Amino acid sequence: MTDFAAIDFETANGQRSSVCSVGVAIVRNGVIADTFYSLIRPEPDYYAWFCQRVHGLSHEDTDGAPPFPEVWRKIEPLIEGLPLVAHNSPFDEGCLKAVFKVYGMDYPDYTFFCTCRAARRRLGLLPNHQLHTVAEACGCPMTNHHHALADAETCAKIALKLL
């Protein structure tokens, strides 16, 4: 697979619709050709301490951020016709479906591929199959883990090796 969009969401709380940031890495002909990152005003708009501890985002970061539909209008043309790839895709696909539902948007049935599942099949025994562990095993160690764009770019590099 040489053309796809790797996507990663961070959430503000336990609700899948509470996306507070998104990162997208567009891969064309086997290379990352474009990227997109945005903060998003979450819905529902509250932060759980455990989420803040993971990604470090808070109301201070997203109070002035656009709502999801405004952000998605910028992403949609970038990913048109491309399959989506995520590490632990059930989470990111679930976020996308949930936030589409909250805003009453028609979900276009995106095709998702999962680098976590691919890593379980292709890399065998690892201490775990978390993004940073799989990245290290694939020779692309990451920095800034849990920043949506850094995670999306790392996912894209893993996908190029495993999918």
Protein backbone atom coordinates (compact mmCIF):
# COMPACT_ATOMS: atom_id res chain seq x y z
CA MET A 1 0.00 0.00 0.00
CA THR A 2 1.62 3.23 -1.15
CA ASP A 3 -1.27 5.73 -1.08
CA PHE A 4 -3.21 6.28 2.14
CA ALA A 5 -3.85 8.71 4.96
CA ALA A 6 -2.67 7.88 8.47
CA ILE A 7 -4.87 9.51 11.10
CA ASP A 8 -4.70 9.92 14.85
CA PHE A 9 -7.12 11.49 17.33
CA GLU A 10 -6.60 12.54 20.92
CA THR A 11 -9.68 12.78 23.13
CA ALA A 12 -10.52 15.08 26.02
CA ASN A 13 -12.43 12.51 28.06
CA GLY A 14 -13.85 9.00 27.92
CA GLN A 15 -16.37 9.91 25.21
CA ARG A 16 -15.15 8.91 21.76
CA SER A 17 -16.75 12.07 20.32
CA SER A 18 -14.53 14.29 22.48
CA VAL A 19 -11.75 14.62 19.91
CA CYS A 20 -9.53 17.53 20.93
CA SER A 21 -6.79 17.16 18.31
CA VAL A 22 -6.23 15.39 15.02
CA GLY A 23 -3.15 14.60 13.00
CA VAL A 24 -3.14 13.33 9.43
CA ALA A 25 -0.18 12.17 7.33
CA ILE A 26 -0.96 11.84 3.62
CA VAL A 27 1.15 9.19 1.88
CA ARG A 28 1.48 9.26 -1.90
CA ASN A 29 3.72 6.90 -3.84
CA GLY A 30 5.20 5.57 -0.61
CA VAL A 31 6.27 8.88 0.94
CA ILE A 32 4.65 11.31 3.34
CA ALA A 33 3.60 14.04 0.91
CA ASP A 34 1.49 16.24 3.19
CA THR A 35 0.46 16.61 6.82
CA PHE A 36 -2.33 18.29 8.71
CA TYR A 37 -2.75 19.06 12.41
CA SER A 38 -5.42 20.91 14.30
CA LEU A 39 -6.70 21.37 17.79
CA ILE A 40 -10.46 20.84 18.07
CA ARG A 41 -12.98 22.12 20.62
CA PRO A 42 -14.17 18.79 22.08
CA GLU A 43 -17.78 17.66 22.38
CA PRO A 44 -18.60 17.12 25.18
CA ASP A 45 -16.31 19.95 26.22
CA TYR A 46 -14.64 18.79 29.42
CA TYR A 47 -11.27 17.25 30.16
CA ALA A 48 -10.70 14.12 32.21
CA TRP A 49 -7.48 14.13 34.20
CA PHE A 50 -6.36 10.78 32.74
CA CYS A 51 -6.63 12.12 29.19
CA GLN A 52 -4.82 15.32 30.08
CA ARG A 53 -2.06 13.24 31.65
CA VAL A 54 -1.64 11.29 28.39
CA HIS A 55 -1.52 14.14 25.87
CA GLY A 56 -1.14 17.29 27.96
CA LEU A 57 -3.99 19.20 26.32
CA SER A 58 -6.52 21.21 28.32
CA HIS A 59 -9.20 23.90 27.98
CA GLU A 60 -6.41 26.46 27.68
CA ASP A 61 -5.42 24.79 24.42
CA THR A 62 -8.84 24.21 22.85
CA ASP A 63 -11.23 26.91 24.11
CA GLY A 64 -10.54 28.97 20.99
CA ALA A 65 -10.21 25.97 18.67
CA PRO A 66 -12.72 25.28 15.90
CA PRO A 67 -15.39 22.61 16.30
CA PHE A 68 -14.96 19.30 14.48
CA PRO A 69 -17.06 20.10 11.37
CA GLU A 70 -14.84 23.09 10.53
CA VAL A 71 -11.69 21.00 10.92
CA TRP A 72 -13.10 18.08 8.92
CA ARG A 73 -13.92 20.38 5.99
CA LYS A 74 -10.16 20.97 5.71
CA ILE A 75 -9.25 17.28 6.07
CA GLU A 76 -11.86 15.83 3.74
CA PRO A 77 -10.30 16.99 0.46
CA LEU A 78 -6.86 15.83 1.61
CA ILE A 79 -8.02 12.25 2.20
CA GLU A 80 -10.50 11.93 -0.66
CA GLY A 81 -10.28 8.49 -2.25
CA LEU A 82 -7.65 7.25 0.21
CA PRO A 83 -7.96 4.43 2.73
CA LEU A 84 -7.33 5.48 6.32
CA VAL A 85 -4.70 3.88 8.52
CA ALA A 86 -4.48 4.14 12.29
CA HIS A 87 -2.63 2.39 15.07
CA ASN A 88 -5.43 0.62 16.95
CA SER A 89 -7.90 1.63 14.26
CA PRO A 90 -11.02 0.62 16.25
CA PHE A 91 -10.30 3.58 18.55
CA ASP A 92 -9.75 6.18 15.82
CA GLU A 93 -12.55 4.85 13.62
CA GLY A 94 -14.81 4.85 16.67
CA CYS A 95 -13.88 8.47 17.39
CA LEU A 96 -14.60 9.46 13.82
CA LYS A 97 -17.98 7.74 13.75
CA ALA A 98 -18.95 9.15 17.16
CA VAL A 99 -18.07 12.75 16.32
CA PHE A 100 -19.83 12.51 12.95
CA LYS A 101 -22.93 11.31 14.82
CA VAL A 102 -22.75 14.08 17.45
CA TYR A 103 -22.72 16.73 14.73
CA GLY A 104 -25.35 14.99 12.57
CA MET A 105 -22.91 14.53 9.70
CA ASP A 106 -23.28 11.71 7.17
CA TYR A 107 -20.47 9.20 7.72
CA PRO A 108 -18.97 8.12 4.36
CA ASP A 109 -17.89 4.60 5.44
CA TYR A 110 -14.15 5.14 5.27
CA THR A 111 -12.00 2.05 4.82
CA PHE A 112 -9.64 1.63 7.79
CA PHE A 113 -6.48 -0.46 8.13
CA CYS A 114 -4.79 -1.09 11.46
CA THR A 115 -1.02 -1.04 12.03
CA CYS A 116 -1.46 -2.55 15.50
CA ARG A 117 -3.13 -5.65 14.03
CA ALA A 118 -0.52 -5.78 11.28
CA ALA A 119 2.24 -5.62 13.90
CA ARG A 120 0.72 -8.52 15.84
CA ARG A 121 0.68 -10.60 12.65
CA ARG A 122 4.02 -9.56 11.18
CA LEU A 123 6.31 -8.78 14.12
CA GLY A 124 5.47 -11.60 16.47
CA LEU A 125 6.43 -11.32 20.07
CA LEU A 126 7.01 -7.82 21.37
CA PRO A 127 6.67 -6.64 24.97
CA ASN A 128 3.45 -4.97 23.77
CA HIS A 129 2.05 -3.61 20.53
CA GLN A 130 1.73 0.03 21.54
CA LEU A 131 2.67 2.62 18.94
CA HIS A 132 6.07 3.52 20.40
CA THR A 133 7.04 -0.16 20.80
CA VAL A 134 6.05 -1.06 17.24
CA ALA A 135 7.78 2.06 15.91
CA GLU A 136 11.01 1.03 17.63
CA ALA A 137 10.71 -2.52 16.24
CA CYS A 138 10.21 -1.09 12.74
CA GLY A 139 13.29 1.11 13.02
CA CYS A 140 11.44 4.41 13.25
CA PRO A 141 11.64 5.48 16.90
CA MET A 142 9.30 8.29 17.74
CA THR A 143 9.41 11.51 19.66
CA ASN A 144 6.50 13.50 21.04
CA HIS A 145 4.28 10.44 21.59
CA HIS A 146 0.57 11.32 22.00
CA HIS A 147 0.85 14.43 19.85
CA ALA A 148 -1.70 13.60 17.14
CA LEU A 149 0.52 14.59 14.21
CA ALA A 150 3.61 12.83 15.54
CA ASP A 151 1.53 9.70 16.09
CA ALA A 152 -0.01 9.91 12.59
CA GLU A 153 3.41 10.33 10.97
CA THR A 154 4.78 7.39 12.94
CA CYS A 155 1.76 5.30 12.00
CA ALA A 156 2.37 6.15 8.33
CA LYS A 157 6.00 4.98 8.58
CA ILE A 158 4.92 1.73 10.25
CA ALA A 159 2.23 1.18 7.61
CA LEU A 160 4.78 1.58 4.83
CA LYS A 161 6.82 -1.22 6.40
CA LEU A 162 3.99 -3.58 7.42
CA LEU A 163 1.01 -3.11 5.11
